[in-house]
């Protein structure tokens, strides 16, 4: 089974990273794990450049990185 903690050590630079979750609490956890591990490895997760796209989400809770609320998008196109 792939785990973030096992393979994140090999990431030196990420221009784009997508996280997926069916459960709101798991997404909060994933964002915090990525931010924490990034910081420990000298990388920065920039909240002003990070976006959240919710598909079929019923929760109104906001996602944050170091207390900065991430912008929510209505649509997503990867180009």
N, C-alpha and C. Protein backbone atom coordinates (compact mmCIF):
# COMPACT_ATOMS: atom_id res chain seq x y z
N UNK A 1 0.84 -1.19 0.00
CA UNK A 1 0.00 0.00 0.00
C UNK A 1 0.88 1.25 0.00
N UNK A 2 0.55 2.20 -0.86
CA UNK A 2 1.30 3.46 -0.93
C UNK A 2 0.91 4.33 0.25
N UNK A 3 1.92 4.90 0.88
CA UNK A 3 1.63 5.85 1.96
C UNK A 3 2.45 7.10 1.73
N UNK A 4 1.90 8.22 2.12
CA UNK A 4 2.56 9.49 1.94
C UNK A 4 3.88 9.53 2.68
N UNK A 5 3.93 9.02 3.86
CA UNK A 5 5.14 9.07 4.68
C UNK A 5 6.28 8.23 4.10
N UNK A 6 5.98 7.15 3.42
CA UNK A 6 7.03 6.30 2.86
C UNK A 6 7.68 6.90 1.63
N UNK A 7 6.94 7.58 0.80
CA UNK A 7 7.44 8.02 -0.49
C UNK A 7 7.70 9.51 -0.61
N UNK A 8 7.26 10.29 0.34
CA UNK A 8 7.42 11.73 0.26
C UNK A 8 8.88 12.15 0.39
N UNK A 9 9.73 11.30 0.96
CA UNK A 9 11.14 11.61 1.13
C UNK A 9 11.83 11.91 -0.20
N UNK A 10 11.32 11.39 -1.28
CA UNK A 10 11.98 11.51 -2.57
C UNK A 10 11.50 12.70 -3.39
N UNK A 11 10.64 13.51 -2.83
CA UNK A 11 10.11 14.67 -3.53
C UNK A 11 10.96 15.88 -3.22
N UNK A 12 11.71 16.36 -4.21
CA UNK A 12 12.56 17.53 -4.03
C UNK A 12 11.84 18.80 -4.46
N UNK A 13 10.98 18.69 -5.45
CA UNK A 13 10.27 19.85 -5.96
C UNK A 13 8.96 19.38 -6.55
N UNK A 14 7.90 20.08 -6.23
CA UNK A 14 6.60 19.74 -6.81
C UNK A 14 5.95 21.03 -7.29
N UNK A 15 5.71 21.10 -8.56
CA UNK A 15 5.02 22.26 -9.10
C UNK A 15 3.52 22.10 -8.90
N UNK A 16 3.04 20.89 -9.06
CA UNK A 16 1.62 20.58 -8.90
C UNK A 16 1.48 19.31 -8.08
N UNK A 17 0.53 19.34 -7.18
CA UNK A 17 0.26 18.18 -6.34
C UNK A 17 -1.24 18.14 -6.09
N UNK A 18 -1.86 17.00 -6.33
CA UNK A 18 -3.30 16.85 -6.11
C UNK A 18 -3.52 15.84 -5.00
N UNK A 19 -4.37 16.19 -4.06
CA UNK A 19 -4.75 15.30 -2.97
C UNK A 19 -6.23 14.98 -3.13
N UNK A 20 -6.59 13.73 -2.88
CA UNK A 20 -7.97 13.30 -3.01
C UNK A 20 -8.43 12.64 -1.73
N UNK A 21 -9.68 12.88 -1.37
CA UNK A 21 -10.24 12.26 -0.19
C UNK A 21 -11.76 12.23 -0.29
N UNK A 22 -12.34 11.17 0.21
CA UNK A 22 -13.80 11.07 0.25
C UNK A 22 -14.35 11.67 1.54
N UNK A 23 -13.49 11.85 2.53
CA UNK A 23 -13.92 12.32 3.85
C UNK A 23 -13.22 13.64 4.17
N UNK A 24 -14.00 14.64 4.58
CA UNK A 24 -13.49 15.98 4.86
C UNK A 24 -12.33 15.97 5.86
N UNK A 25 -12.45 15.23 6.94
CA UNK A 25 -11.40 15.18 7.96
C UNK A 25 -10.10 14.61 7.41
N UNK A 26 -10.20 13.65 6.51
CA UNK A 26 -9.00 13.08 5.90
C UNK A 26 -8.28 14.10 5.03
N UNK A 27 -9.03 14.96 4.36
CA UNK A 27 -8.41 16.00 3.53
C UNK A 27 -7.65 16.99 4.41
N UNK A 28 -8.26 17.38 5.53
CA UNK A 28 -7.56 18.27 6.47
C UNK A 28 -6.24 17.62 6.91
N UNK A 29 -6.32 16.34 7.23
CA UNK A 29 -5.14 15.60 7.69
C UNK A 29 -4.07 15.54 6.59
N UNK A 30 -4.48 15.24 5.35
CA UNK A 30 -3.54 15.16 4.24
C UNK A 30 -2.84 16.50 4.00
N UNK A 31 -3.60 17.58 4.02
CA UNK A 31 -3.02 18.91 3.81
C UNK A 31 -1.98 19.21 4.88
N UNK A 32 -2.32 18.90 6.13
CA UNK A 32 -1.38 19.15 7.23
C UNK A 32 -0.13 18.28 7.14
N UNK A 33 -0.29 17.03 6.73
CA UNK A 33 0.87 16.14 6.56
C UNK A 33 1.79 16.67 5.47
N UNK A 34 1.22 17.07 4.33
CA UNK A 34 2.03 17.61 3.24
C UNK A 34 2.76 18.87 3.69
N UNK A 35 2.06 19.77 4.38
CA UNK A 35 2.67 21.02 4.85
C UNK A 35 3.79 20.73 5.84
N UNK A 36 3.57 19.82 6.79
CA UNK A 36 4.57 19.49 7.81
C UNK A 36 5.81 18.84 7.20
N UNK A 37 5.60 17.84 6.36
CA UNK A 37 6.73 17.13 5.75
C UNK A 37 7.48 18.07 4.79
N UNK A 38 6.75 18.90 4.07
CA UNK A 38 7.40 19.87 3.18
C UNK A 38 8.32 20.78 3.98
N UNK A 39 7.81 21.32 5.09
CA UNK A 39 8.60 22.23 5.91
C UNK A 39 9.85 21.54 6.45
N UNK A 40 9.73 20.29 6.86
CA UNK A 40 10.89 19.55 7.39
C UNK A 40 11.94 19.30 6.33
N UNK A 41 11.53 19.33 5.06
CA UNK A 41 12.46 19.08 3.96
C UNK A 41 12.82 20.34 3.20
N UNK A 42 12.52 21.50 3.79
CA UNK A 42 12.90 22.77 3.18
C UNK A 42 11.99 23.25 2.06
N UNK A 43 10.83 22.65 1.92
CA UNK A 43 9.87 23.06 0.89
C UNK A 43 8.75 23.88 1.54
N UNK A 44 8.10 24.70 0.76
CA UNK A 44 7.03 25.54 1.27
C UNK A 44 5.73 25.27 0.52
N UNK A 45 4.67 25.05 1.26
CA UNK A 45 3.35 24.93 0.68
C UNK A 45 2.72 26.32 0.74
N UNK A 46 2.57 26.96 -0.40
CA UNK A 46 2.10 28.35 -0.45
C UNK A 46 0.57 28.38 -0.48
N UNK A 47 -0.01 28.89 0.58
CA UNK A 47 -1.47 28.92 0.69
C UNK A 47 -2.10 29.82 -0.37
N UNK A 48 -1.42 30.89 -0.78
CA UNK A 48 -2.01 31.78 -1.78
C UNK A 48 -2.06 31.13 -3.17
N UNK A 49 -1.24 30.09 -3.39
CA UNK A 49 -1.23 29.41 -4.68
C UNK A 49 -1.98 28.08 -4.63
N UNK A 50 -2.41 27.68 -3.44
CA UNK A 50 -3.11 26.40 -3.26
C UNK A 50 -4.61 26.62 -3.36
N UNK A 51 -5.29 25.70 -4.01
CA UNK A 51 -6.74 25.79 -4.22
C UNK A 51 -7.42 24.51 -3.75
N UNK A 52 -8.70 24.64 -3.45
CA UNK A 52 -9.50 23.49 -3.05
C UNK A 52 -10.67 23.38 -4.02
N UNK A 53 -10.85 22.18 -4.55
CA UNK A 53 -12.01 21.90 -5.40
C UNK A 53 -12.80 20.80 -4.73
N UNK A 54 -14.03 21.10 -4.37
CA UNK A 54 -14.90 20.11 -3.72
C UNK A 54 -15.91 19.60 -4.73
N UNK A 55 -15.95 18.29 -4.90
CA UNK A 55 -16.93 17.66 -5.77
C UNK A 55 -17.91 16.90 -4.88
N UNK A 56 -19.15 17.26 -4.95
CA UNK A 56 -20.20 16.59 -4.15
C UNK A 56 -19.94 16.67 -2.66
N UNK A 57 -19.38 17.75 -2.19
CA UNK A 57 -19.10 17.90 -0.76
C UNK A 57 -20.27 18.58 -0.07
N UNK A 58 -20.66 18.03 1.06
CA UNK A 58 -21.77 18.62 1.80
C UNK A 58 -21.29 19.51 2.94
N UNK A 59 -20.03 19.48 3.24
CA UNK A 59 -19.49 20.26 4.36
C UNK A 59 -19.11 21.67 3.92
N UNK A 60 -19.31 22.61 4.82
CA UNK A 60 -18.95 24.00 4.55
C UNK A 60 -17.64 24.38 5.23
N UNK A 61 -16.97 23.43 5.86
CA UNK A 61 -15.73 23.77 6.57
C UNK A 61 -14.64 24.15 5.59
N UNK A 62 -13.77 25.02 6.03
CA UNK A 62 -12.69 25.54 5.19
C UNK A 62 -11.40 24.77 5.46
N UNK A 63 -10.58 24.64 4.43
CA UNK A 63 -9.26 24.03 4.56
C UNK A 63 -8.24 25.13 4.77
N UNK A 64 -7.27 24.87 5.62
CA UNK A 64 -6.26 25.88 5.93
C UNK A 64 -4.86 25.30 5.87
N UNK A 65 -3.90 26.18 5.66
CA UNK A 65 -2.48 25.86 5.78
C UNK A 65 -1.90 26.93 6.69
N UNK A 66 -1.41 26.52 7.85
CA UNK A 66 -0.86 27.47 8.83
C UNK A 66 -1.82 28.62 9.07
N UNK A 67 -3.06 28.32 9.31
CA UNK A 67 -4.17 29.24 9.61
C UNK A 67 -4.61 30.11 8.44
N UNK A 68 -4.01 29.97 7.27
CA UNK A 68 -4.45 30.69 6.07
C UNK A 68 -5.50 29.84 5.35
N UNK A 69 -6.67 30.40 5.11
CA UNK A 69 -7.75 29.68 4.45
C UNK A 69 -7.45 29.53 2.97
N UNK A 70 -7.58 28.30 2.46
CA UNK A 70 -7.34 28.03 1.05
C UNK A 70 -8.57 28.42 0.23
N UNK A 71 -8.31 29.02 -0.92
CA UNK A 71 -9.39 29.45 -1.81
C UNK A 71 -10.10 28.24 -2.39
N UNK A 72 -11.43 28.31 -2.44
CA UNK A 72 -12.23 27.24 -3.02
C UNK A 72 -12.60 27.59 -4.46
N UNK A 73 -12.55 26.60 -5.33
CA UNK A 73 -12.83 26.78 -6.74
C UNK A 73 -14.12 26.05 -7.10
N UNK A 74 -14.88 26.57 -8.09
CA UNK A 74 -16.10 25.93 -8.56
C UNK A 74 -15.83 24.92 -9.65
N UNK A 75 -14.69 25.06 -10.33
CA UNK A 75 -14.33 24.14 -11.40
C UNK A 75 -12.82 23.98 -11.42
N UNK A 76 -12.37 22.96 -12.13
CA UNK A 76 -10.93 22.69 -12.19
C UNK A 76 -10.58 22.18 -13.57
N UNK A 77 -9.60 22.82 -14.20
CA UNK A 77 -9.06 22.37 -15.49
C UNK A 77 -7.55 22.34 -15.35
N UNK A 78 -6.95 21.19 -15.60
CA UNK A 78 -5.49 21.08 -15.54
C UNK A 78 -4.96 21.21 -16.95
N UNK A 79 -4.13 22.19 -17.15
CA UNK A 79 -3.58 22.42 -18.49
C UNK A 79 -2.08 22.25 -18.51
